PDB file of N, CA and C in Angstrom:
ATOM      1  N   MET A   1      36.706 -52.601  26.551  1.00  0.00           N
ATOM      2  CA  MET A   1      37.762 -53.556  26.325  1.00  0.00           C
ATOM      3  C   MET A   1      37.102 -54.913  26.135  1.00  0.00           C
ATOM      4  N   ARG A   2      37.495 -55.586  25.105  1.00  0.00           N
ATOM      5  CA  ARG A   2      37.000 -56.931  24.834  1.00  0.00           C
ATOM      6  C   ARG A   2      38.166 -57.907  24.893  1.00  0.00           C
ATOM      7  N   ILE A   3      37.976 -58.992  25.595  1.00  0.00           N
ATOM      8  CA  ILE A   3      38.958 -60.069  25.639  1.00  0.00           C
ATOM      9  C   ILE A   3      38.277 -61.298  25.069  1.00  0.00           C
ATOM     10  N   LYS A   4      38.872 -61.846  24.024  1.00  0.00           N
ATOM     11  CA  LYS A   4      38.284 -63.003  23.357  1.00  0.00           C
ATOM     12  C   LYS A   4      39.299 -64.135  23.347  1.00  0.00           C
ATOM     13  N   ILE A   5      38.879 -65.290  23.862  1.00  0.00           N
ATOM     14  CA  ILE A   5      39.729 -66.483  23.895  1.00  0.00           C
ATOM     15  C   ILE A   5      39.029 -67.565  23.091  1.00  0.00           C
ATOM     16  N   ARG A   6      39.726 -68.070  22.078  1.00  0.00           N
ATOM     17  CA  ARG A   6      39.176 -69.132  21.244  1.00  0.00           C
ATOM     18  C   ARG A   6      40.083 -70.343  21.311  1.00  0.00           C
ATOM     19  N   SER A   7      39.480 -71.487  21.568  1.00  0.00           N
ATOM     20  CA  SER A   7      40.225 -72.749  21.564  1.00  0.00           C
ATOM     21  C   SER A   7      39.341 -73.816  20.940  1.00  0.00           C
ATOM     22  N   THR A   8      39.883 -75.019  20.820  1.00  0.00           N
ATOM     23  CA  THR A   8      39.104 -76.103  20.231  1.00  0.00           C
ATOM     24  C   THR A   8      37.987 -76.543  21.168  1.00  0.00           C
ATOM     25  N   GLU A   9      38.184 -76.392  22.469  1.00  0.00           N
ATOM     26  CA  GLU A   9      37.186 -76.824  23.438  1.00  0.00           C
ATOM     27  C   GLU A   9      36.133 -75.760  23.729  1.00  0.00           C
ATOM     28  N   ARG A  10      36.577 -74.506  23.890  1.00  0.00           N
ATOM     29  CA  ARG A  10      35.673 -73.447  24.319  1.00  0.00           C
ATOM     30  C   ARG A  10      36.004 -72.130  23.652  1.00  0.00           C
ATOM     31  N   ASN A  11      35.000 -71.291  23.586  1.00  0.00           N
ATOM     32  CA  ASN A  11      35.171 -69.894  23.194  1.00  0.00           C
ATOM     33  C   ASN A  11      34.701 -69.053  24.371  1.00  0.00           C
ATOM     34  N   PHE A  12      35.459 -68.020  24.700  1.00  0.00           N
ATOM     35  CA  PHE A  12      35.165 -67.203  25.867  1.00  0.00           C
ATOM     36  C   PHE A  12      35.304 -65.744  25.487  1.00  0.00           C
ATOM     37  N   ASN A  13      34.267 -64.952  25.738  1.00  0.00           N
ATOM     38  CA  ASN A  13      34.297 -63.518  25.479  1.00  0.00           C
ATOM     39  C   ASN A  13      34.054 -62.783  26.782  1.00  0.00           C
ATOM     40  N   LEU A  14      34.844 -61.754  27.029  1.00  0.00           N
ATOM     41  CA  LEU A  14      34.698 -60.947  28.235  1.00  0.00           C
ATOM     42  C   LEU A  14      34.694 -59.480  27.827  1.00  0.00           C
ATOM     43  N   TRP A  15      33.623 -58.781  28.161  1.00  0.00           N
ATOM     44  CA  TRP A  15      33.495 -57.357  27.858  1.00  0.00           C
ATOM     45  C   TRP A  15      33.653 -56.597  29.164  1.00  0.00           C
ATOM     46  N   LEU A  16      34.605 -55.682  29.211  1.00  0.00           N
ATOM     47  CA  LEU A  16      34.857 -54.875  30.403  1.00  0.00           C
ATOM     48  C   LEU A  16      34.972 -53.411  29.997  1.00  0.00           C
ATOM     49  N   PRO A  17      34.517 -52.499  30.869  1.00  0.00           N
ATOM     50  CA  PRO A  17      34.701 -51.085  30.543  1.00  0.00           C
ATOM     51  C   PRO A  17      36.175 -50.699  30.605  1.00  0.00           C
ATOM     52  N   THR A  18      36.649 -50.031  29.569  1.00  0.00           N
ATOM     53  CA  THR A  18      38.055 -49.655  29.487  1.00  0.00           C
ATOM     54  C   THR A  18      38.444 -48.720  30.623  1.00  0.00           C
ATOM     55  N   ARG A  19      37.561 -47.826  30.996  1.00  0.00           N
ATOM     56  CA  ARG A  19      37.848 -46.870  32.068  1.00  0.00           C
ATOM     57  C   ARG A  19      38.031 -47.559  33.413  1.00  0.00           C
ATOM     58  N   LEU A  20      37.550 -48.789  33.550  1.00  0.00           N
ATOM     59  CA  LEU A  20      37.730 -49.527  34.796  1.00  0.00           C
ATOM     60  C   LEU A  20      39.203 -49.820  35.051  1.00  0.00           C
ATOM     61  N   PHE A  21      39.973 -50.045  33.993  1.00  0.00           N
ATOM     62  CA  PHE A  21      41.389 -50.390  34.134  1.00  0.00           C
ATOM     63  C   PHE A  21      42.331 -49.246  33.811  1.00  0.00           C
ATOM     64  N   LEU A  22      41.913 -48.350  32.955  1.00  0.00           N
ATOM     65  CA  LEU A  22      42.788 -47.264  32.517  1.00  0.00           C
ATOM     66  C   LEU A  22      42.299 -45.941  33.097  1.00  0.00           C
ATOM     67  N   ASN A  23      42.430 -45.780  34.407  1.00  0.00           N
ATOM     68  CA  ASN A  23      42.008 -44.566  35.086  1.00  0.00           C
ATOM     69  C   ASN A  23      43.125 -44.094  36.015  1.00  0.00           C
ATOM     70  N   PRO A  24      43.015 -42.902  36.587  1.00  0.00           N
ATOM     71  CA  PRO A  24      44.087 -42.379  37.444  1.00  0.00           C
ATOM     72  C   PRO A  24      44.371 -43.226  38.690  1.00  0.00           C
ATOM     73  N   VAL A  25      43.354 -43.886  39.238  1.00  0.00           N
ATOM     74  CA  VAL A  25      43.587 -44.726  40.416  1.00  0.00           C
ATOM     75  C   VAL A  25      44.435 -45.937  40.049  1.00  0.00           C
ATOM     76  N   SER A  26      44.112 -46.606  38.938  1.00  0.00           N
ATOM     77  CA  SER A  26      44.925 -47.751  38.526  1.00  0.00           C
ATOM     78  C   SER A  26      46.308 -47.297  38.071  1.00  0.00           C
ATOM     79  N   ALA A  27      46.424 -46.064  37.556  1.00  0.00           N
ATOM     80  CA  ALA A  27      47.745 -45.521  37.212  1.00  0.00           C
ATOM     81  C   ALA A  27      48.598 -45.368  38.460  1.00  0.00           C
ATOM     82  N   ALA A  28      47.993 -44.910  39.554  1.00  0.00           N
ATOM     83  CA  ALA A  28      48.728 -44.774  40.813  1.00  0.00           C
ATOM     84  C   ALA A  28      49.181 -46.133  41.329  1.00  0.00           C
ATOM     85  N   ILE A  29      48.346 -47.141  41.190  1.00  0.00           N
ATOM     86  CA  ILE A  29      48.710 -48.497  41.623  1.00  0.00           C
ATOM     87  C   ILE A  29      49.860 -49.025  40.764  1.00  0.00           C
ATOM     88  N   CYS A  30      49.791 -48.827  39.458  1.00  0.00           N
ATOM     89  CA  CYS A  30      50.857 -49.278  38.551  1.00  0.00           C
ATOM     90  C   CYS A  30      52.179 -48.593  38.867  1.00  0.00           C
ATOM     91  N   VAL A  31      52.139 -47.291  39.133  1.00  0.00           N
ATOM     92  CA  VAL A  31      53.359 -46.551  39.464  1.00  0.00           C
ATOM     93  C   VAL A  31      53.964 -47.087  40.746  1.00  0.00           C
ATOM     94  N   LYS A  32      53.118 -47.367  41.721  1.00  0.00           N
ATOM     95  CA  LYS A  32      53.589 -47.888  43.009  1.00  0.00           C
ATOM     96  C   LYS A  32      54.284 -49.245  42.818  1.00  0.00           C
ATOM     97  N   VAL A  33      53.691 -50.120  42.009  1.00  0.00           N
ATOM     98  CA  VAL A  33      54.271 -51.444  41.781  1.00  0.00           C
ATOM     99  C   VAL A  33      55.559 -51.350  40.968  1.00  0.00           C
ATOM    100  N   VAL A  34      55.566 -50.522  39.925  1.00  0.00           N
ATOM    101  CA  VAL A  34      56.749 -50.405  39.074  1.00  0.00           C
ATOM    102  C   VAL A  34      57.913 -49.792  39.840  1.00  0.00           C
ATOM    103  N   ASN A  35      57.631 -48.797  40.669  1.00  0.00           N
ATOM    104  CA  ASN A  35      58.702 -48.140  41.405  1.00  0.00           C
ATOM    105  C   ASN A  35      59.196 -48.948  42.595  1.00  0.00           C
ATOM    106  N   ASN A  36      58.427 -49.942  43.035  1.00  0.00           N
ATOM    107  CA  ASN A  36      58.857 -50.799  44.131  1.00  0.00           C
ATOM    108  C   ASN A  36      59.749 -51.900  43.549  1.00  0.00           C
ATOM    109  N   GLN A  37      61.036 -51.766  43.699  1.00  0.00           N
ATOM    110  CA  GLN A  37      62.016 -52.622  43.021  1.00  0.00           C
ATOM    111  C   GLN A  37      61.989 -54.077  43.478  1.00  0.00           C
ATOM    112  N   LYS A  38      61.499 -54.382  44.688  1.00  0.00           N
ATOM    113  CA  LYS A  38      61.566 -55.766  45.152  1.00  0.00           C
ATOM    114  C   LYS A  38      60.562 -56.671  44.450  1.00  0.00           C
ATOM    115  N   PHE A  39      59.537 -56.089  43.790  1.00  0.00           N
ATOM    116  CA  PHE A  39      58.565 -56.897  43.075  1.00  0.00           C
ATOM    117  C   PHE A  39      58.963 -57.166  41.635  1.00  0.00           C
ATOM    118  N   ILE A  40      60.013 -56.531  41.170  1.00  0.00           N
ATOM    119  CA  ILE A  40      60.415 -56.632  39.772  1.00  0.00           C
ATOM    120  C   ILE A  40      61.666 -57.489  39.667  1.00  0.00           C
ATOM    121  N   GLY A  41      61.691 -58.390  38.698  1.00  0.00           N
ATOM    122  CA  GLY A  41      62.851 -59.240  38.486  1.00  0.00           C
ATOM    123  C   GLY A  41      64.028 -58.448  37.949  1.00  0.00           C
ATOM    124  N   SER A  42      65.197 -59.056  37.961  1.00  0.00           N
ATOM    125  CA  SER A  42      66.415 -58.354  37.550  1.00  0.00           C
ATOM    126  C   SER A  42      66.381 -57.994  36.062  1.00  0.00           C
ATOM    127  N   GLU A  43      65.765 -58.830  35.229  1.00  0.00           N
ATOM    128  CA  GLU A  43      65.686 -58.527  33.803  1.00  0.00           C
ATOM    129  C   GLU A  43      64.794 -57.319  33.552  1.00  0.00           C
ATOM    130  N   ALA A  44      63.662 -57.270  34.243  1.00  0.00           N
ATOM    131  CA  ALA A  44      62.757 -56.135  34.081  1.00  0.00           C
ATOM    132  C   ALA A  44      63.366 -54.869  34.662  1.00  0.00           C
ATOM    133  N   GLN A  45      64.157 -55.003  35.728  1.00  0.00           N
ATOM    134  CA  GLN A  45      64.812 -53.826  36.311  1.00  0.00           C
ATOM    135  C   GLN A  45      65.767 -53.199  35.308  1.00  0.00           C
ATOM    136  N   SER A  46      66.498 -54.030  34.567  1.00  0.00           N
ATOM    137  CA  SER A  46      67.435 -53.476  33.586  1.00  0.00           C
ATOM    138  C   SER A  46      66.701 -52.807  32.429  1.00  0.00           C
ATOM    139  N   LEU A  47      65.492 -53.298  32.090  1.00  0.00           N
ATOM    140  CA  LEU A  47      64.712 -52.665  31.032  1.00  0.00           C
ATOM    141  C   LEU A  47      64.105 -51.346  31.490  1.00  0.00           C
ATOM    142  N   LEU A  48      63.690 -51.290  32.759  1.00  0.00           N
ATOM    143  CA  LEU A  48      63.036 -50.090  33.263  1.00  0.00           C
ATOM    144  C   LEU A  48      64.016 -48.979  33.607  1.00  0.00           C
ATOM    145  N   SER A  49      65.220 -49.344  34.017  1.00  0.00           N
ATOM    146  CA  SER A  49      66.174 -48.296  34.380  1.00  0.00           C
ATOM    147  C   SER A  49      66.921 -47.836  33.133  1.00  0.00           C
ATOM    148  N   ILE A  50      67.019 -46.545  32.971  1.00  0.00           N
ATOM    149  CA  ILE A  50      67.684 -45.966  31.811  1.00  0.00           C
ATOM    150  C   ILE A  50      69.136 -45.708  32.183  1.00  0.00           C
ATOM    151  N   ASN A  51      70.057 -46.267  31.427  1.00  0.00           N
ATOM    152  CA  ASN A  51      71.493 -46.137  31.664  1.00  0.00           C
ATOM    153  C   ASN A  51      71.871 -46.600  33.083  1.00  0.00           C
ATOM    154  N   ASN A  52      71.174 -47.647  33.567  1.00  0.00           N
ATOM    155  CA  ASN A  52      71.405 -48.216  34.892  1.00  0.00           C
ATOM    156  C   ASN A  52      71.269 -47.195  36.015  1.00  0.00           C
ATOM    157  N   GLU A  53      70.512 -46.136  35.787  1.00  0.00           N
ATOM    158  CA  GLU A  53      70.185 -45.188  36.838  1.00  0.00           C
ATOM    159  C   GLU A  53      68.818 -45.568  37.386  1.00  0.00           C
ATOM    160  N   ASN A  54      68.612 -45.344  38.671  1.00  0.00           N
ATOM    161  CA  ASN A  54      67.313 -45.647  39.265  1.00  0.00           C
ATOM    162  C   ASN A  54      66.399 -44.443  39.108  1.00  0.00           C
ATOM    163  N   ARG A  55      65.686 -44.391  38.016  1.00  0.00           N
ATOM    164  CA  ARG A  55      64.707 -43.345  37.773  1.00  0.00           C
ATOM    165  C   ARG A  55      63.334 -43.896  38.086  1.00  0.00           C
ATOM    166  N   GLU A  56      62.530 -43.104  38.750  1.00  0.00           N
ATOM    167  CA  GLU A  56      61.190 -43.547  39.092  1.00  0.00           C
ATOM    168  C   GLU A  56      60.192 -43.048  38.049  1.00  0.00           C
ATOM    169  N   LEU A  57      59.207 -43.861  37.810  1.00  0.00           N
ATOM    170  CA  LEU A  57      58.139 -43.519  36.886  1.00  0.00           C
ATOM    171  C   LEU A  57      57.171 -42.587  37.604  1.00  0.00           C
ATOM    172  N   SER A  58      56.734 -41.530  36.937  1.00  0.00           N
ATOM    173  CA  SER A  58      55.831 -40.578  37.578  1.00  0.00           C
ATOM    174  C   SER A  58      54.377 -40.927  37.281  1.00  0.00           C
ATOM    175  N   HIS A  59      53.512 -40.447  38.143  1.00  0.00           N
ATOM    176  CA  HIS A  59      52.081 -40.678  37.980  1.00  0.00           C
ATOM    177  C   HIS A  59      51.567 -40.003  36.706  1.00  0.00           C
ATOM    178  N   SER A  60      52.075 -38.822  36.398  1.00  0.00           N
ATOM    179  CA  SER A  60      51.617 -38.125  35.196  1.00  0.00           C
ATOM    180  C   SER A  60      52.037 -38.865  33.921  1.00  0.00           C
ATOM    181  N   ALA A  61      53.208 -39.495  33.937  1.00  0.00           N
ATOM    182  CA  ALA A  61      53.652 -40.273  32.769  1.00  0.00           C
ATOM    183  C   ALA A  61      52.767 -41.501  32.569  1.00  0.00           C
ATOM    184  N   MET A  62      52.375 -42.144  33.668  1.00  0.00           N
ATOM    185  CA  MET A  62      51.504 -43.317  33.559  1.00  0.00           C
ATOM    186  C   MET A  62      50.111 -42.903  33.081  1.00  0.00           C
ATOM    187  N   CYS A  63      49.602 -41.769  33.549  1.00  0.00           N
ATOM    188  CA  CYS A  63      48.302 -41.275  33.086  1.00  0.00           C
ATOM    189  C   CYS A  63      48.360 -40.945  31.596  1.00  0.00           C
ATOM    190  N   LYS A  64      49.486 -40.386  31.157  1.00  0.00           N
ATOM    191  CA  LYS A  64      49.659 -40.077  29.740  1.00  0.00           C
ATOM    192  C   LYS A  64      49.679 -41.360  28.909  1.00  0.00           C
ATOM    193  N   LEU A  65      50.333 -42.394  29.408  1.00  0.00           N
ATOM    194  CA  LEU A  65      50.346 -43.689  28.737  1.00  0.00           C
ATOM    195  C   LEU A  65      48.935 -44.255  28.637  1.00  0.00           C
ATOM    196  N   PHE A  66      48.177 -44.193  29.726  1.00  0.00           N
ATOM    197  CA  PHE A  66      46.810 -44.706  29.716  1.00  0.00           C
ATOM    198  C   PHE A  66      45.931 -43.926  28.738  1.00  0.00           C
ATOM    199  N   ARG A  67      46.103 -42.601  28.674  1.00  0.00           N
ATOM    200  CA  ARG A  67      45.339 -41.803  27.708  1.00  0.00           C
ATOM    201  C   ARG A  67      45.667 -42.215  26.279  1.00  0.00           C
ATOM    202  N   THR A  68      46.939 -42.462  26.032  1.00  0.00           N
ATOM    203  CA  THR A  68      47.364 -42.864  24.691  1.00  0.00           C
ATOM    204  C   THR A  68      46.799 -44.227  24.324  1.00  0.00           C
ATOM    205  N   VAL A  69      46.764 -45.143  25.264  1.00  0.00           N
ATOM    206  CA  VAL A  69      46.195 -46.473  24.999  1.00  0.00           C
ATOM    207  C   VAL A  69      44.701 -46.350  24.712  1.00  0.00           C
ATOM    208  N   ARG A  70      44.005 -45.502  25.480  1.00  0.00           N
ATOM    209  CA  ARG A  70      42.570 -45.300  25.217  1.00  0.00           C
ATOM    210  C   ARG A  70      42.339 -44.693  23.841  1.00  0.00           C
ATOM    211  N   LYS A  71      43.195 -43.758  23.421  1.00  0.00           N
ATOM    212  CA  LYS A  71      43.049 -43.126  22.114  1.00  0.00           C
ATOM    213  C   LYS A  71      43.447 -44.063  20.973  1.00  0.00           C
ATOM    214  N   SER A  72      44.184 -45.106  21.281  1.00  0.00           N
ATOM    215  CA  SER A  72      44.635 -46.031  20.239  1.00  0.00           C
ATOM    216  C   SER A  72      43.476 -46.767  19.587  1.00  0.00           C
ATOM    217  N   ARG A  73      42.320 -46.755  20.228  1.00  0.00           N
ATOM    218  CA  ARG A  73      41.153 -47.405  19.646  1.00  0.00           C
ATOM    219  C   ARG A  73      40.828 -46.815  18.280  1.00  0.00           C
ATOM    220  N   ARG A  74      40.938 -45.502  18.147  1.00  0.00           N
ATOM    221  CA  ARG A  74      40.659 -44.849  16.867  1.00  0.00           C
ATOM    222  C   ARG A  74      41.740 -45.167  15.835  1.00  0.00           C
ATOM    223  N   LEU A  75      42.968 -45.278  16.302  1.00  0.00           N
ATOM    224  CA  LEU A  75      44.069 -45.559  15.379  1.00  0.00           C
ATOM    225  C   LEU A  75      44.041 -46.993  14.853  1.00  0.00           C
ATOM    226  N   LEU A  76      43.612 -47.924  15.684  1.00  0.00           N
ATOM    227  CA  LEU A  76      43.621 -49.334  15.286  1.00  0.00           C
ATOM    228  C   LEU A  76      42.493 -49.679  14.326  1.00  0.00           C
ATOM    229  N   GLN A  77      41.417 -48.932  14.335  1.00  0.00           N
ATOM    230  CA  GLN A  77      40.293 -49.103  13.413  1.00  0.00           C
ATOM    231  C   GLN A  77      39.796 -50.545  13.352  1.00  0.00           C
ATOM    232  N   GLY A  78      39.444 -51.104  14.500  1.00  0.00           N
ATOM    233  CA  GLY A  78      38.869 -52.445  14.548  1.00  0.00           C
ATOM    234  C   GLY A  78      39.869 -53.572  14.686  1.00  0.00           C
ATOM    235  N   GLN A  79      41.144 -53.286  14.665  1.00  0.00           N
ATOM    236  CA  GLN A  79      42.167 -54.315  14.837  1.00  0.00           C
ATOM    237  C   GLN A  79      42.402 -54.550  16.333  1.00  0.00           C
ATOM    238  N   PRO A  80      42.757 -55.762  16.739  1.00  0.00           N
ATOM    239  CA  PRO A  80      43.025 -56.004  18.157  1.00  0.00           C
ATOM    240  C   PRO A  80      44.333 -55.349  18.595  1.00  0.00           C
ATOM    241  N   LEU A  81      44.366 -54.940  19.856  1.00  0.00           N
ATOM    242  CA  LEU A  81      45.580 -54.373  20.437  1.00  0.00           C
ATOM    243  C   LEU A  81      46.624 -55.469  20.612  1.00  0.00           C
ATOM    244  N   VAL A  82      46.181 -56.636  21.072  1.00  0.00           N
ATOM    245  CA  VAL A  82      47.062 -57.789  21.276  1.00  0.00           C
ATOM    246  C   VAL A  82      46.399 -59.011  20.663  1.00  0.00           C
ATOM    247  N   SER A  83      47.162 -59.798  19.928  1.00  0.00           N
ATOM    248  CA  SER A  83      46.676 -61.047  19.366  1.00  0.00           C
ATOM    249  C   SER A  83      47.767 -62.097  19.540  1.00  0.00           C
ATOM    250  N   VAL A  84      47.444 -63.154  20.282  1.00  0.00           N
ATOM    251  CA  VAL A  84      48.427 -64.194  20.599  1.00  0.00           C
ATOM    252  C   VAL A  84      47.875 -65.537  20.155  1.00  0.00           C
ATOM    253  N   ASN A  85      48.676 -66.306  19.421  1.00  0.00           N
ATOM    254  CA  ASN A  85      48.321 -67.657  18.990  1.00  0.00           C
ATOM    255  C   ASN A  85      49.262 -68.643  19.659  1.00  0.00           C
ATOM    256  N   SER A  86      48.686 -69.685  20.262  1.00  0.00           N
ATOM    257  CA  SER A  86      49.521 -70.707  20.895  1.00  0.00           C
ATOM    258  C   SER A  86      49.743 -71.863  19.924  1.00  0.00           C
ATOM    259  N   ALA A  87      50.654 -72.739  20.273  1.00  0.00           N
ATOM    260  CA  ALA A  87      50.940 -73.904  19.435  1.00  0.00           C
ATOM    261  C   ALA A  87      49.776 -74.888  19.435  1.00  0.00           C
ATOM    262  N   ASP A  88      48.943 -74.838  20.482  1.00  0.00           N
ATOM    263  CA  ASP A  88      47.792 -75.732  20.585  1.00  0.00           C
ATOM    264  C   ASP A  88      46.594 -75.251  19.784  1.00  0.00           C
ATOM    265  N   GLY A  89      46.707 -74.093  19.168  1.00  0.00           N
ATOM    266  CA  GLY A  89      45.616 -73.551  18.382  1.00  0.00           C
ATOM    267  C   GLY A  89      44.732 -72.572  19.139  1.00  0.00           C
ATOM    268  N   GLU A  90      45.087 -72.241  20.360  1.00  0.00           N
ATOM    269  CA  GLU A  90      44.315 -71.270  21.124  1.00  0.00           C
ATOM    270  C   GLU A  90      44.693 -69.850  20.677  1.00  0.00           C
ATOM    271  N   VAL A  91      43.677 -68.978  20.658  1.00  0.00           N
ATOM    272  CA  VAL A  91      43.883 -67.595  20.228  1.00  0.00           C
ATOM    273  C   VAL A  91      43.343 -66.681  21.321  1.00  0.00           C
ATOM    274  N   VAL A  92      44.147 -65.712  21.737  1.00  0.00           N
ATOM    275  CA  VAL A  92      43.730 -64.687  22.688  1.00  0.00           C
ATOM    276  C   VAL A  92      43.879 -63.343  22.016  1.00  0.00           C
ATOM    277  N   GLU A  93      42.782 -62.581  21.983  1.00  0.00           N
ATOM    278  CA  GLU A  93      42.780 -61.259  21.381  1.00  0.00           C
ATOM    279  C   GLU A  93      42.197 -60.255  22.351  1.00  0.00           C
ATOM    280  N   ILE A  94      42.813 -59.066  22.399  1.00  0.00           N
ATOM    281  CA  ILE A  94      42.343 -57.999  23.275  1.00  0.00           C
ATOM    282  C   ILE A  94      42.114 -56.762  22.421  1.00  0.00           C
ATOM    283  N   TRP A  95      40.890 -56.244  22.490  1.00  0.00           N
ATOM    284  CA  TRP A  95      40.530 -55.010  21.794  1.00  0.00           C
ATOM    285  C   TRP A  95      40.300 -53.917  22.821  1.00  0.00           C
ATOM    286  N   ILE A  96      40.680 -52.695  22.468  1.00  0.00           N
ATOM    287  CA  ILE A  96      40.398 -51.538  23.318  1.00  0.00           C
ATOM    288  C   ILE A  96      39.147 -50.881  22.796  1.00  0.00           C
TER     289      ILE A  96
END
């Protein structure tokens, strides 16, 4: 995973192993946080609940999501996963 931040003052590059963040242990942590309703705002709760039912996210679904994100590297073919431009001219890009 590469995180690149470009601004008029500084350029910052951070290289991190993708498996460090997209692994079964971090999937378990994400599931725990998502399913714990007190940490999520009311807007996010309405997005996460389907038909206003309280459905919990499973660990296997989160692992499947992480696998898909890791495989997206081949699909993107060198394009960033996320690219954000601010009004000040700062650019943040994340590659998998």
